[in-house]
Amino acid sequence: MSQTWPWAVLAILGAYHGLNPAMGWLFALALGLQEKRRSAVVQALVPIALGHAAAISVTILLLIWLQRLIPFHVLKWPIAAIILGTGVYRLYRVRHPRGAGMRVGPRDLAVWSFLMASAHGAGLMLIPVLLARPMTGMHHAMAGAMTGNGLPLNANVILGSVLLHTGTMLVVAGGLALVSFEMYDKAGLAVLRHAWLNFDFIWAVALMTAATAVLF
């Protein structure tokens, strides 16, 4: 059980991101309703998931690079400060950037998803999980590469973490978008556009909690 809880947390975080309309399922639903095609919903979800995965990967790669330069007992303090600051920012800033319209292509969706995931600190939330003792122990067991300050890193564990998190996010977001496509009309979307405000509050609290977890 002690070895599996980080993977469960990664899946739960992915599911939460999938639930959050700000992460993309509302956009996919709007495109599907606009084009009156269920397939448009599915097609929109793929670049959204890729953008989300890219944002998480960039954060992890940045962590790996910093680990090679700074001892972790020093590095954990700015990491915690960044996560905490992101949480406080998300707590007080509930407005979301407006796009140029709904006529977008796959590349636009991927870039939009990348920016939204980055703005919400999606990758930051994975850092405490990846640095948890069961995960670092798995790095050792799988003979991962060692950083200059002794922190183990294993590409398979990191790749698995990104795939699990993004896959769970995609399944939940896709399910919500497709069910909503069958149930809601355009008038119903007016209510959904405001649904992510509560998600922002919960996410902000989760980020601040994760900032504390980094220090222990």
N, C-alpha and C. Protein backbone atom coordinates (compact mmCIF):
# COMPACT_ATOMS: atom_id res chain seq x y z
N MET A 1 0.84 -1.20 0.00
CA MET A 1 0.00 0.00 0.00
C MET A 1 0.88 1.26 0.00
N SER A 2 1.99 1.22 0.79
CA SER A 2 2.85 2.39 0.87
C SER A 2 3.52 2.70 -0.46
N GLN A 3 3.64 1.68 -1.33
CA GLN A 3 4.27 1.88 -2.63
C GLN A 3 3.28 2.36 -3.69
N THR A 4 2.00 2.17 -3.47
CA THR A 4 1.01 2.47 -4.50
C THR A 4 0.29 3.80 -4.30
N TRP A 5 0.36 4.36 -3.09
CA TRP A 5 -0.42 5.57 -2.86
C TRP A 5 -0.02 6.74 -3.76
N PRO A 6 1.28 6.92 -4.11
CA PRO A 6 1.58 8.04 -5.02
C PRO A 6 0.91 7.90 -6.37
N TRP A 7 0.81 6.66 -6.87
CA TRP A 7 0.15 6.46 -8.16
C TRP A 7 -1.34 6.76 -8.05
N ALA A 8 -1.93 6.39 -6.92
CA ALA A 8 -3.35 6.70 -6.70
C ALA A 8 -3.56 8.21 -6.65
N VAL A 9 -2.64 8.93 -6.00
CA VAL A 9 -2.75 10.39 -5.93
C VAL A 9 -2.63 11.00 -7.31
N LEU A 10 -1.69 10.50 -8.12
CA LEU A 10 -1.53 11.00 -9.49
C LEU A 10 -2.81 10.81 -10.30
N ALA A 11 -3.45 9.65 -10.12
CA ALA A 11 -4.71 9.38 -10.83
C ALA A 11 -5.83 10.29 -10.33
N ILE A 12 -5.88 10.51 -9.02
CA ILE A 12 -6.92 11.38 -8.45
C ILE A 12 -6.74 12.81 -8.95
N LEU A 13 -5.50 13.28 -8.98
CA LEU A 13 -5.24 14.63 -9.49
C LEU A 13 -5.62 14.74 -10.97
N GLY A 14 -5.34 13.67 -11.73
CA GLY A 14 -5.76 13.68 -13.13
C GLY A 14 -7.26 13.73 -13.27
N ALA A 15 -7.96 12.96 -12.43
CA ALA A 15 -9.42 12.98 -12.47
C ALA A 15 -9.96 14.35 -12.10
N TYR A 16 -9.33 14.99 -11.12
CA TYR A 16 -9.77 16.32 -10.73
C TYR A 16 -9.58 17.32 -11.87
N HIS A 17 -8.43 17.23 -12.53
CA HIS A 17 -8.22 18.11 -13.68
C HIS A 17 -9.25 17.83 -14.77
N GLY A 18 -9.61 16.57 -14.93
CA GLY A 18 -10.63 16.23 -15.92
C GLY A 18 -11.98 16.82 -15.56
N LEU A 19 -12.29 16.88 -14.26
CA LEU A 19 -13.56 17.44 -13.81
C LEU A 19 -13.61 18.96 -14.00
N ASN A 20 -12.47 19.60 -13.88
CA ASN A 20 -12.41 21.06 -13.92
C ASN A 20 -12.69 21.58 -15.33
N PRO A 21 -13.77 22.33 -15.53
CA PRO A 21 -14.08 22.86 -16.87
C PRO A 21 -12.96 23.73 -17.44
N ALA A 22 -12.18 24.38 -16.55
CA ALA A 22 -11.13 25.27 -17.02
C ALA A 22 -10.01 24.53 -17.71
N MET A 23 -9.91 23.21 -17.52
CA MET A 23 -8.84 22.43 -18.13
C MET A 23 -9.20 21.91 -19.52
N GLY A 24 -10.42 22.13 -19.98
CA GLY A 24 -10.66 21.83 -21.38
C GLY A 24 -11.95 21.14 -21.78
N TRP A 25 -12.62 20.39 -20.89
CA TRP A 25 -13.78 19.64 -21.37
C TRP A 25 -14.91 20.57 -21.78
N LEU A 26 -15.01 21.73 -21.14
CA LEU A 26 -16.05 22.69 -21.52
C LEU A 26 -15.79 23.23 -22.92
N PHE A 27 -14.52 23.44 -23.25
CA PHE A 27 -14.15 23.91 -24.58
C PHE A 27 -14.51 22.85 -25.62
N ALA A 28 -14.19 21.59 -25.32
CA ALA A 28 -14.52 20.50 -26.24
C ALA A 28 -16.03 20.39 -26.43
N LEU A 29 -16.77 20.54 -25.34
CA LEU A 29 -18.23 20.48 -25.43
C LEU A 29 -18.76 21.62 -26.30
N ALA A 30 -18.24 22.82 -26.09
CA ALA A 30 -18.70 23.97 -26.87
C ALA A 30 -18.44 23.78 -28.35
N LEU A 31 -17.28 23.23 -28.69
CA LEU A 31 -16.98 22.97 -30.09
C LEU A 31 -17.92 21.92 -30.67
N GLY A 32 -18.22 20.89 -29.89
CA GLY A 32 -19.14 19.85 -30.35
C GLY A 32 -20.54 20.39 -30.58
N LEU A 33 -21.00 21.25 -29.66
CA LEU A 33 -22.33 21.84 -29.82
C LEU A 33 -22.35 22.80 -31.01
N GLN A 34 -21.26 23.51 -31.20
CA GLN A 34 -21.20 24.46 -32.30
C GLN A 34 -21.26 23.75 -33.65
N GLU A 35 -20.53 22.64 -33.75
CA GLU A 35 -20.49 21.90 -35.01
C GLU A 35 -21.56 20.82 -35.09
N LYS A 36 -22.27 20.62 -33.96
CA LYS A 36 -23.35 19.63 -33.90
C LYS A 36 -22.84 18.23 -34.26
N ARG A 37 -21.62 17.92 -33.79
CA ARG A 37 -21.04 16.60 -34.06
C ARG A 37 -20.39 16.06 -32.79
N ARG A 38 -20.72 14.83 -32.42
CA ARG A 38 -20.07 14.19 -31.28
C ARG A 38 -18.58 13.99 -31.56
N SER A 39 -18.25 13.70 -32.80
CA SER A 39 -16.85 13.48 -33.16
C SER A 39 -16.00 14.73 -32.94
N ALA A 40 -16.61 15.92 -33.03
CA ALA A 40 -15.86 17.16 -32.80
C ALA A 40 -15.43 17.24 -31.34
N VAL A 41 -16.25 16.72 -30.44
CA VAL A 41 -15.88 16.69 -29.02
C VAL A 41 -14.65 15.81 -28.82
N VAL A 42 -14.68 14.61 -29.41
CA VAL A 42 -13.58 13.67 -29.25
C VAL A 42 -12.30 14.22 -29.88
N GLN A 43 -12.42 14.81 -31.05
CA GLN A 43 -11.24 15.36 -31.73
C GLN A 43 -10.60 16.49 -30.93
N ALA A 44 -11.41 17.27 -30.24
CA ALA A 44 -10.88 18.38 -29.46
C ALA A 44 -10.14 17.90 -28.22
N LEU A 45 -10.54 16.76 -27.68
CA LEU A 45 -9.95 16.27 -26.44
C LEU A 45 -8.49 15.85 -26.60
N VAL A 46 -8.12 15.36 -27.78
CA VAL A 46 -6.76 14.86 -28.00
C VAL A 46 -5.71 15.97 -27.85
N PRO A 47 -5.81 17.08 -28.60
CA PRO A 47 -4.81 18.15 -28.41
C PRO A 47 -4.88 18.77 -27.02
N ILE A 48 -6.06 18.80 -26.41
CA ILE A 48 -6.17 19.32 -25.04
C ILE A 48 -5.34 18.46 -24.09
N ALA A 49 -5.44 17.13 -24.24
CA ALA A 49 -4.66 16.22 -23.39
C ALA A 49 -3.16 16.37 -23.67
N LEU A 50 -2.79 16.52 -24.94
CA LEU A 50 -1.38 16.68 -25.28
C LEU A 50 -0.80 17.96 -24.69
N GLY A 51 -1.56 19.04 -24.74
CA GLY A 51 -1.11 20.30 -24.16
C GLY A 51 -0.94 20.19 -22.65
N HIS A 52 -1.87 19.49 -22.02
CA HIS A 52 -1.80 19.28 -20.57
C HIS A 52 -0.55 18.47 -20.20
N ALA A 53 -0.32 17.39 -20.95
CA ALA A 53 0.86 16.55 -20.70
C ALA A 53 2.15 17.33 -20.92
N ALA A 54 2.16 18.19 -21.93
CA ALA A 54 3.36 18.99 -22.21
C ALA A 54 3.67 19.95 -21.06
N ALA A 55 2.62 20.56 -20.51
CA ALA A 55 2.81 21.49 -19.40
C ALA A 55 3.40 20.78 -18.19
N ILE A 56 2.89 19.59 -17.91
CA ILE A 56 3.40 18.80 -16.78
C ILE A 56 4.84 18.39 -17.04
N SER A 57 5.12 17.96 -18.25
CA SER A 57 6.48 17.49 -18.59
C SER A 57 7.50 18.61 -18.47
N VAL A 58 7.14 19.80 -18.90
CA VAL A 58 8.06 20.94 -18.80
C VAL A 58 8.40 21.21 -17.34
N THR A 59 7.40 21.16 -16.48
CA THR A 59 7.64 21.39 -15.05
C THR A 59 8.58 20.34 -14.47
N ILE A 60 8.36 19.07 -14.84
CA ILE A 60 9.21 17.99 -14.32
C ILE A 60 10.64 18.12 -14.85
N LEU A 61 10.78 18.44 -16.12
CA LEU A 61 12.12 18.60 -16.69
C LEU A 61 12.86 19.77 -16.04
N LEU A 62 12.12 20.82 -15.72
CA LEU A 62 12.74 21.94 -15.03
C LEU A 62 13.21 21.52 -13.64
N LEU A 63 12.40 20.70 -12.96
CA LEU A 63 12.79 20.18 -11.65
C LEU A 63 14.07 19.35 -11.75
N ILE A 64 14.14 18.48 -12.77
CA ILE A 64 15.33 17.64 -12.96
C ILE A 64 16.57 18.50 -13.17
N TRP A 65 16.44 19.54 -13.97
CA TRP A 65 17.58 20.42 -14.24
C TRP A 65 18.02 21.14 -12.97
N LEU A 66 17.05 21.62 -12.18
CA LEU A 66 17.40 22.32 -10.94
C LEU A 66 18.04 21.39 -9.93
N GLN A 67 17.59 20.11 -9.92
CA GLN A 67 18.17 19.15 -8.99
C GLN A 67 19.65 18.91 -9.25
N ARG A 68 20.06 19.11 -10.47
CA ARG A 68 21.47 18.91 -10.82
C ARG A 68 22.33 20.10 -10.37
N LEU A 69 21.69 21.21 -10.06
CA LEU A 69 22.43 22.42 -9.72
C LEU A 69 22.36 22.78 -8.24
N ILE A 70 21.22 22.41 -7.60
CA ILE A 70 20.96 22.88 -6.23
C ILE A 70 20.64 21.70 -5.33
N PRO A 71 21.27 21.59 -4.16
CA PRO A 71 20.92 20.52 -3.22
C PRO A 71 19.45 20.60 -2.84
N PHE A 72 18.82 19.43 -2.65
CA PHE A 72 17.38 19.43 -2.44
C PHE A 72 16.98 20.13 -1.15
N HIS A 73 17.82 20.04 -0.10
CA HIS A 73 17.43 20.70 1.15
C HIS A 73 17.37 22.22 0.98
N VAL A 74 18.02 22.73 -0.06
CA VAL A 74 17.91 24.15 -0.39
C VAL A 74 16.80 24.37 -1.41
N LEU A 75 16.73 23.48 -2.39
CA LEU A 75 15.77 23.63 -3.49
C LEU A 75 14.32 23.54 -3.03
N LYS A 76 14.06 22.74 -1.98
CA LYS A 76 12.67 22.53 -1.57
C LYS A 76 11.98 23.81 -1.10
N TRP A 77 12.78 24.77 -0.60
CA TRP A 77 12.17 26.01 -0.11
C TRP A 77 11.63 26.88 -1.25
N PRO A 78 12.41 27.16 -2.30
CA PRO A 78 11.81 27.92 -3.42
C PRO A 78 10.69 27.15 -4.12
N ILE A 79 10.80 25.80 -4.18
CA ILE A 79 9.72 25.01 -4.79
C ILE A 79 8.43 25.21 -4.00
N ALA A 80 8.53 25.10 -2.67
CA ALA A 80 7.35 25.29 -1.82
C ALA A 80 6.80 26.70 -1.96
N ALA A 81 7.70 27.69 -2.07
CA ALA A 81 7.26 29.08 -2.20
C ALA A 81 6.52 29.31 -3.51
N ILE A 82 7.03 28.70 -4.60
CA ILE A 82 6.38 28.85 -5.91
C ILE A 82 4.99 28.21 -5.90
N ILE A 83 4.90 26.99 -5.33
CA ILE A 83 3.61 26.31 -5.28
C ILE A 83 2.63 27.09 -4.41
N LEU A 84 3.12 27.57 -3.26
CA LEU A 84 2.27 28.36 -2.37
C LEU A 84 1.81 29.64 -3.05
N GLY A 85 2.75 30.32 -3.72
CA GLY A 85 2.39 31.55 -4.42
C GLY A 85 1.37 31.32 -5.51
N THR A 86 1.51 30.21 -6.23
CA THR A 86 0.53 29.87 -7.26
C THR A 86 -0.84 29.62 -6.65
N GLY A 87 -0.85 28.93 -5.50
CA GLY A 87 -2.12 28.68 -4.82
C GLY A 87 -2.80 29.96 -4.37
N VAL A 88 -2.02 30.87 -3.79
CA VAL A 88 -2.58 32.16 -3.35
C VAL A 88 -3.09 32.95 -4.54
N TYR A 89 -2.32 32.92 -5.64
CA TYR A 89 -2.73 33.63 -6.86
C TYR A 89 -4.04 33.08 -7.40
N ARG A 90 -4.15 31.71 -7.44
CA ARG A 90 -5.38 31.10 -7.93
C ARG A 90 -6.55 31.38 -7.00
N LEU A 91 -6.26 31.57 -5.71
CA LEU A 91 -7.32 31.81 -4.74
C LEU A 91 -7.98 33.17 -4.96
N TYR A 92 -7.19 34.16 -5.34
CA TYR A 92 -7.70 35.51 -5.46
C TYR A 92 -7.97 35.94 -6.90
N ARG A 93 -7.45 35.19 -7.86
CA ARG A 93 -7.71 35.54 -9.26
C ARG A 93 -8.61 34.48 -9.86
N VAL A 94 -9.88 34.81 -10.00
CA VAL A 94 -10.84 33.84 -10.51
C VAL A 94 -11.19 34.08 -11.97
N ARG A 95 -10.68 35.16 -12.55
CA ARG A 95 -10.93 35.42 -13.97
C ARG A 95 -10.00 34.58 -14.81
N HIS A 96 -10.46 34.13 -15.95
CA HIS A 96 -9.68 33.30 -16.85
C HIS A 96 -9.44 34.04 -18.15
N PRO A 97 -8.30 33.79 -18.78
CA PRO A 97 -8.02 34.47 -20.06
C PRO A 97 -9.04 34.12 -21.11
N ARG A 98 -9.40 35.11 -21.89
CA ARG A 98 -10.38 34.91 -22.94
C ARG A 98 -9.69 34.59 -24.25
N GLY A 99 -10.24 33.64 -24.98
CA GLY A 99 -9.66 33.27 -26.27
C GLY A 99 -10.19 34.16 -27.37
N ALA A 100 -9.72 33.89 -28.58
CA ALA A 100 -10.12 34.71 -29.72
C ALA A 100 -11.41 34.19 -30.35
N GLY A 101 -11.95 33.09 -29.86
CA GLY A 101 -13.15 32.52 -30.43
C GLY A 101 -13.08 31.02 -30.40
N MET A 102 -14.14 30.37 -30.88
CA MET A 102 -14.21 28.92 -30.80
C MET A 102 -13.72 28.24 -32.07
N ARG A 103 -13.43 29.01 -33.12
CA ARG A 103 -12.93 28.41 -34.35
C ARG A 103 -11.43 28.22 -34.24
N VAL A 104 -11.03 27.12 -33.67
CA VAL A 104 -9.61 26.87 -33.46
C VAL A 104 -9.26 25.50 -34.01
N GLY A 105 -7.97 25.34 -34.34
CA GLY A 105 -7.48 24.07 -34.83
C GLY A 105 -6.81 23.28 -33.73
N PRO A 106 -6.34 22.08 -34.03
CA PRO A 106 -5.67 21.24 -33.03
C PRO A 106 -4.47 21.91 -32.38
N ARG A 107 -3.65 22.61 -33.18
CA ARG A 107 -2.48 23.27 -32.61
C ARG A 107 -2.90 24.36 -31.62
N ASP A 108 -3.93 25.13 -31.98
CA ASP A 108 -4.41 26.19 -31.08
C ASP A 108 -4.92 25.59 -29.78
N LEU A 109 -5.64 24.47 -29.87
CA LEU A 109 -6.16 23.82 -28.67
C LEU A 109 -5.02 23.33 -27.78
N ALA A 110 -3.99 22.75 -28.39
CA ALA A 110 -2.86 22.23 -27.62
C ALA A 110 -2.13 23.37 -26.90
N VAL A 111 -1.90 24.47 -27.62
CA VAL A 111 -1.23 25.63 -27.00
C VAL A 111 -2.09 26.20 -25.89
N TRP A 112 -3.40 26.32 -26.14
CA TRP A 112 -4.31 26.84 -25.12
C TRP A 112 -4.30 25.95 -23.88
N SER A 113 -4.35 24.64 -24.07
CA SER A 113 -4.33 23.71 -22.96
C SER A 113 -3.02 23.80 -22.18
N PHE A 114 -1.91 23.92 -22.90
CA PHE A 114 -0.60 24.07 -22.26
C PHE A 114 -0.58 25.31 -21.37
N LEU A 115 -1.07 26.41 -21.90
CA LEU A 115 -1.06 27.66 -21.14
C LEU A 115 -1.99 27.59 -19.93
N MET A 116 -3.16 27.00 -20.10
CA MET A 116 -4.11 26.89 -18.99
C MET A 116 -3.56 25.99 -17.88
N ALA A 117 -2.98 24.85 -18.26
CA ALA A 117 -2.41 23.94 -17.26
C ALA A 117 -1.25 24.59 -16.54
N SER A 118 -0.44 25.34 -17.28
CA SER A 118 0.69 26.04 -16.67
C SER A 118 0.21 27.13 -15.71
N ALA A 119 -0.81 27.88 -16.14
CA ALA A 119 -1.34 28.96 -15.31
C ALA A 119 -1.96 28.43 -14.02
N HIS A 120 -2.54 27.22 -14.08
CA HIS A 120 -3.16 26.63 -12.90
C HIS A 120 -2.17 25.86 -12.03
N GLY A 121 -0.92 25.77 -12.46
CA GLY A 121 0.07 25.05 -11.67
C GLY A 121 -0.15 23.56 -11.66
N ALA A 122 -0.64 23.00 -12.78
CA ALA A 122 -0.93 21.57 -12.84
C ALA A 122 0.33 20.73 -12.62
N GLY A 123 1.44 21.13 -13.25
CA GLY A 123 2.68 20.38 -13.08
C GLY A 123 3.26 20.52 -11.69
N LEU A 124 3.06 21.69 -11.07
CA LEU A 124 3.58 21.91 -9.72
C LEU A 124 2.99 20.93 -8.73
N MET A 125 1.72 20.56 -8.93
CA MET A 125 1.07 19.67 -7.98
C MET A 125 1.68 18.27 -8.01
N LEU A 126 2.30 17.90 -9.12
CA LEU A 126 2.88 16.56 -9.22
C LEU A 126 4.23 16.46 -8.51
N ILE A 127 4.88 17.60 -8.28
CA ILE A 127 6.22 17.57 -7.71
C ILE A 127 6.25 16.90 -6.33
N PRO A 128 5.35 17.26 -5.38
CA PRO A 128 5.41 16.58 -4.08
C PRO A 128 5.20 15.08 -4.19
N VAL A 129 4.39 14.64 -5.16
CA VAL A 129 4.16 13.20 -5.33
C VAL A 129 5.41 12.52 -5.86
N LEU A 130 6.06 13.13 -6.85
CA LEU A 130 7.27 12.54 -7.43
C LEU A 130 8.42 12.50 -6.43
N LEU A 131 8.41 13.43 -5.48
CA LEU A 131 9.47 13.48 -4.48
C LEU A 131 9.15 12.68 -3.23
N ALA A 132 7.98 12.04 -3.21
CA ALA A 132 7.61 11.22 -2.05
C ALA A 132 8.54 10.03 -1.92
N ARG A 133 8.71 9.53 -0.72
CA ARG A 133 9.67 8.44 -0.48
C ARG A 133 9.38 7.17 -1.29
N PRO A 134 8.11 6.75 -1.43
CA PRO A 134 7.88 5.55 -2.26
C PRO A 134 8.33 5.73 -3.69
N MET A 135 8.18 6.95 -4.23
CA MET A 135 8.58 7.19 -5.61
C MET A 135 10.10 7.23 -5.74
N THR A 136 10.76 7.90 -4.79
CA THR A 136 12.22 7.95 -4.85
C THR A 136 12.81 6.56 -4.61
N GLY A 137 12.15 5.76 -3.77
CA GLY A 137 12.59 4.39 -3.58
C GLY A 137 12.45 3.57 -4.85
N MET A 138 11.40 3.83 -5.62
CA MET A 138 11.20 3.15 -6.89
C MET A 138 12.26 3.57 -7.89
N HIS A 139 12.66 4.83 -7.83
CA HIS A 139 13.75 5.29 -8.68
C HIS A 139 15.01 4.46 -8.42
N HIS A 140 15.31 4.24 -7.12
CA HIS A 140 16.49 3.44 -6.75
C HIS A 140 16.36 2.01 -7.27
N ALA A 141 15.17 1.42 -7.04
CA ALA A 141 14.96 0.02 -7.41
C ALA A 141 15.08 -0.21 -8.91
N MET A 142 14.71 0.82 -9.70
CA MET A 142 14.75 0.69 -11.15
C MET A 142 16.08 1.19 -11.72
N ALA A 143 17.04 1.42 -10.81
CA ALA A 143 18.39 1.84 -11.23
C ALA A 143 18.35 3.10 -12.08
N GLY A 144 17.67 4.13 -11.57
CA GLY A 144 17.58 5.38 -12.31
C GLY A 144 18.89 6.14 -12.26
N ALA A 145 18.98 7.12 -13.12
CA ALA A 145 20.16 7.97 -13.14
C ALA A 145 20.19 8.83 -11.89
N MET A 146 21.38 9.09 -11.39
CA MET A 146 21.50 9.88 -10.18
C MET A 146 21.89 11.31 -10.53
N THR A 147 21.29 12.25 -9.84
CA THR A 147 21.65 13.64 -10.05
C THR A 147 22.92 13.94 -9.27
N GLY A 148 23.45 15.14 -9.50
CA GLY A 148 24.67 15.51 -8.82
C GLY A 148 24.54 15.58 -7.31
N ASN A 149 23.33 15.83 -6.79
CA ASN A 149 23.18 15.93 -5.35
C ASN A 149 22.56 14.67 -4.76
N GLY A 150 22.58 13.56 -5.53
CA GLY A 150 22.16 12.28 -4.96
C GLY A 150 20.69 11.97 -5.08
N LEU A 151 19.90 12.82 -5.71
CA LEU A 151 18.47 12.55 -5.85
C LEU A 151 18.25 11.67 -7.08
N PRO A 152 17.59 10.51 -6.91
CA PRO A 152 17.43 9.59 -8.03
C PRO A 152 16.32 10.01 -8.97
N LEU A 153 16.55 9.79 -10.24
CA LEU A 153 15.54 10.11 -11.24
C LEU A 153 15.48 8.96 -12.23
N ASN A 154 14.28 8.51 -12.54
CA ASN A 154 14.13 7.42 -13.48
C ASN A 154 13.13 7.81 -14.54
N ALA A 155 13.53 7.71 -15.80
CA ALA A 155 12.68 8.15 -16.91
C ALA A 155 11.39 7.36 -16.97
N ASN A 156 11.44 6.05 -16.67
CA ASN A 156 10.24 5.22 -16.75
C ASN A 156 9.20 5.64 -15.72
N VAL A 157 9.64 5.96 -14.51
CA VAL A 157 8.72 6.39 -13.46
C VAL A 157 8.10 7.73 -13.83
N ILE A 158 8.93 8.65 -14.32
CA ILE A 158 8.42 9.98 -14.70
C ILE A 158 7.44 9.87 -15.86
N LEU A 159 7.80 9.08 -16.88
CA LEU A 159 6.92 8.90 -18.03
C LEU A 159 5.60 8.25 -17.60
N GLY A 160 5.69 7.23 -16.74
CA GLY A 160 4.49 6.59 -16.24
C GLY A 160 3.60 7.54 -15.47
N SER A 161 4.22 8.44 -14.70
CA SER A 161 3.46 9.41 -13.93
C SER A 161 2.69 10.36 -14.84
N VAL A 162 3.37 10.86 -15.88
CA VAL A 162 2.73 11.78 -16.82
C VAL A 162 1.59 11.08 -17.57
N LEU A 163 1.84 9.84 -18.02
CA LEU A 163 0.82 9.11 -18.77
C LEU A 163 -0.39 8.77 -17.90
N LEU A 164 -0.14 8.34 -16.66
CA LEU A 164 -1.26 8.01 -15.77
C LEU A 164 -2.10 9.24 -15.46
N HIS A 165 -1.42 10.32 -15.11
CA HIS A 165 -2.13 11.55 -14.78
C HIS A 165 -2.94 12.07 -15.97
N THR A 166 -2.29 12.16 -17.13
CA THR A 166 -2.96 12.69 -18.32
C THR A 166 -4.05 11.75 -18.80
N GLY A 167 -3.80 10.43 -18.73
CA GLY A 167 -4.81 9.47 -19.16
C GLY A 167 -6.06 9.55 -18.32
N THR A 168 -5.90 9.67 -17.00
CA THR A 168 -7.06 9.80 -16.12
C THR A 168 -7.81 11.09 -16.41
N MET A 169 -7.05 12.15 -16.62
CA MET A 169 -7.67 13.44 -16.96
C MET A 169 -8.48 13.34 -18.25
N LEU A 170 -7.92 12.65 -19.26
CA LEU A 170 -8.58 12.52 -20.55
C LEU A 170 -9.86 11.70 -20.45
N VAL A 171 -9.83 10.62 -19.68
CA VAL A 171 -11.01 9.76 -19.53
C VAL A 171 -12.15 10.53 -18.85
N VAL A 172 -11.82 11.23 -17.76
CA VAL A 172 -12.86 11.96 -17.02
C VAL A 172 -13.38 13.13 -17.84
N ALA A 173 -12.47 13.91 -18.44
CA ALA A 173 -12.89 15.06 -19.24
C ALA A 173 -13.71 14.61 -20.45
N GLY A 174 -13.27 13.53 -21.10
CA GLY A 174 -14.01 13.02 -22.25
C GLY A 174 -15.39 12.53 -21.88
N GLY A 175 -15.47 11.83 -20.76
CA GLY A 175 -16.78 11.35 -20.32
C GLY A 175 -17.73 12.49 -20.02
N LEU A 176 -17.25 13.51 -19.33
CA LEU A 176 -18.09 14.66 -19.00
C LEU A 176 -18.53 15.41 -20.26
N ALA A 177 -17.58 15.62 -21.18
CA ALA A 177 -17.91 16.36 -22.39
C ALA A 177 -18.94 15.62 -23.23
N LEU A 178 -18.78 14.29 -23.36
CA LEU A 178 -19.71 13.52 -24.18
C LEU A 178 -21.09 13.41 -23.53
N VAL A 179 -21.11 13.19 -22.22
CA VAL A 179 -22.41 13.14 -21.53
C VAL A 179 -23.10 14.49 -21.61
N SER A 180 -22.33 15.56 -21.41
CA SER A 180 -22.92 16.90 -21.47
C SER A 180 -23.40 17.22 -22.88
N PHE A 181 -22.71 16.70 -23.89
CA PHE A 181 -23.13 16.92 -25.27
C PHE A 181 -24.53 16.37 -25.50
N GLU A 182 -24.84 15.25 -24.86
CA GLU A 182 -26.16 14.65 -25.01
C GLU A 182 -27.20 15.35 -24.15
N MET A 183 -26.79 15.99 -23.06
CA MET A 183 -27.76 16.49 -22.08
C MET A 183 -28.01 18.00 -22.15
N TYR A 184 -26.99 18.77 -22.54
CA TYR A 184 -27.12 20.22 -22.45
C TYR A 184 -27.28 20.86 -23.82
N ASP A 185 -28.06 21.94 -23.83
CA ASP A 185 -28.13 22.78 -25.02
C ASP A 185 -27.27 24.01 -24.77
N LYS A 186 -27.26 24.94 -25.70
CA LYS A 186 -26.40 26.10 -25.56
C LYS A 186 -26.79 26.98 -24.38
N ALA A 187 -28.06 27.00 -24.01
CA ALA A 187 -28.47 27.77 -22.84
C ALA A 187 -27.85 27.20 -21.57
N GLY A 188 -27.72 25.89 -21.53
CA GLY A 188 -27.12 25.25 -20.37
C GLY A 188 -25.66 25.59 -20.21
N LEU A 189 -24.98 25.91 -21.31
CA LEU A 189 -23.56 26.27 -21.23
C LEU A 189 -23.33 27.53 -20.43
N ALA A 190 -24.32 28.43 -20.39
CA ALA A 190 -24.16 29.67 -19.64
C ALA A 190 -23.90 29.38 -18.16
N VAL A 191 -24.52 28.35 -17.63
CA VAL A 191 -24.30 27.95 -16.24
C VAL A 191 -22.93 27.30 -16.09
N LEU A 192 -22.56 26.45 -17.03
CA LEU A 192 -21.30 25.72 -16.94
C LEU A 192 -20.09 26.65 -17.00
N ARG A 193 -20.22 27.78 -17.69
CA ARG A 193 -19.07 28.69 -17.81
C ARG A 193 -18.62 29.21 -16.46
N HIS A 194 -19.51 29.23 -15.48
CA HIS A 194 -19.16 29.74 -14.16
C HIS A 194 -18.84 28.63 -13.18
N ALA A 195 -18.91 27.39 -13.61
CA ALA A 195 -18.74 26.27 -12.69
C ALA A 195 -17.33 26.14 -12.17
N TRP A 196 -16.33 26.67 -12.92
CA TRP A 196 -14.96 26.44 -12.49
C TRP A 196 -14.53 27.36 -11.34
N LEU A 197 -15.37 28.33 -10.93
CA LEU A 197 -14.98 29.19 -9.83
C LEU A 197 -14.77 28.39 -8.55
N ASN A 198 -15.66 27.47 -8.24
CA ASN A 198 -15.48 26.62 -7.07
C ASN A 198 -14.27 25.71 -7.24
N PHE A 199 -14.04 25.26 -8.46
CA PHE A 199 -12.87 24.42 -8.72
C PHE A 199 -11.60 25.21 -8.43
N ASP A 200 -11.57 26.47 -8.79
CA ASP A 200 -10.40 27.29 -8.52
C ASP A 200 -10.11 27.38 -7.03
N PHE A 201 -11.15 27.54 -6.23
CA PHE A 201 -10.95 27.63 -4.78
C PHE A 201 -10.36 26.33 -4.23
N ILE A 202 -10.96 25.21 -4.63
CA ILE A 202 -10.46 23.90 -4.16
C ILE A 202 -9.03 23.68 -4.63
N TRP A 203 -8.77 24.04 -5.89
CA TRP A 203 -7.43 23.84 -6.43
C TRP A 203 -6.41 24.72 -5.72
N ALA A 204 -6.79 25.95 -5.40
CA ALA A 204 -5.88 26.85 -4.70
C ALA A 204 -5.51 26.28 -3.33
N VAL A 205 -6.51 25.77 -2.62
CA VAL A 205 -6.25 25.16 -1.31
C VAL A 205 -5.35 23.93 -1.45
N ALA A 206 -5.59 23.13 -2.50
CA ALA A 206 -4.77 21.93 -2.73
C ALA A 206 -3.33 22.32 -3.01
N LEU A 207 -3.11 23.38 -3.79
CA LEU A 207 -1.75 23.83 -4.08
C LEU A 207 -1.03 24.28 -2.81
N MET A 208 -1.74 25.02 -1.97
CA MET A 208 -1.11 25.49 -0.73
C MET A 208 -0.79 24.33 0.20
N THR A 209 -1.63 23.31 0.20
CA THR A 209 -1.36 22.11 0.98
C THR A 209 -0.14 21.37 0.44
N ALA A 210 -0.05 21.29 -0.89
CA ALA A 210 1.10 20.63 -1.52
C ALA A 210 2.40 21.36 -1.21
N ALA A 211 2.34 22.68 -1.13
CA ALA A 211 3.54 23.46 -0.80
C ALA A 211 4.08 23.05 0.57
N THR A 212 3.17 22.79 1.50
CA THR A 212 3.59 22.34 2.83
C THR A 212 4.20 20.95 2.77
N ALA A 213 3.60 20.09 1.91
CA ALA A 213 4.07 18.71 1.80
C ALA A 213 5.50 18.63 1.27
N VAL A 214 5.89 19.57 0.43
CA VAL A 214 7.25 19.57 -0.13
C VAL A 214 8.29 19.69 0.97
N LEU A 215 7.96 20.39 2.05
CA LEU A 215 8.93 20.67 3.09
C LEU A 215 9.12 19.53 4.07
N PHE A 216 8.31 18.47 3.96
CA PHE A 216 8.38 17.35 4.90
C PHE A 216 8.72 16.05 4.20
